[in-house]
């Protein structure tokens, strides 16, 4: 695939367990600053719990959408003018991490310490695996194959999670 190509891909495979699920069931859910973010966080943990119990594809799809939405809420809470979160691929096919933020003017900046800490709190990006790519890759505005980076469209991701809450 050429660099910077728009997305619309699909893939297969099981979702990974995350440290966030363990923390959410043993340490409580972190406090958020908006009701929508709190609702998305709760729905994410419910989808994760359900997926672990059933392995259901619908739960895996919901897990991916809520993960993207939570990541978008976190970044937009810190930077309301941000337009994308850059998610990079790691050494294995199912390892992804938040790398940087794209501003409204197109400039790329590193995550702030607060953004990084808040994104790590829920490990939302770690739930974005090849097995549920059909749910999360369409929420990306582009893919840079040279660097293995997806640009998660923050408004599209945020709104997808909100829409998923009503289904």
Foldseek 3Di string as FASTA:
>chain_A
DAFWAADQDAFADAFDDDPLLVCCVPPNDDDDDDPLLVLLLVQLSVLNVVCVVPVDLVSLLLNLLSLLQNLLVLVCVVPVQWFWFKWADDPDQQDIDTFWTAGNVGDTDGDDPSSRVSNVNNVSSSRCGNRNCNRQSNQFGTAGVVGRITTRGSVSSNVSSVVVSVD
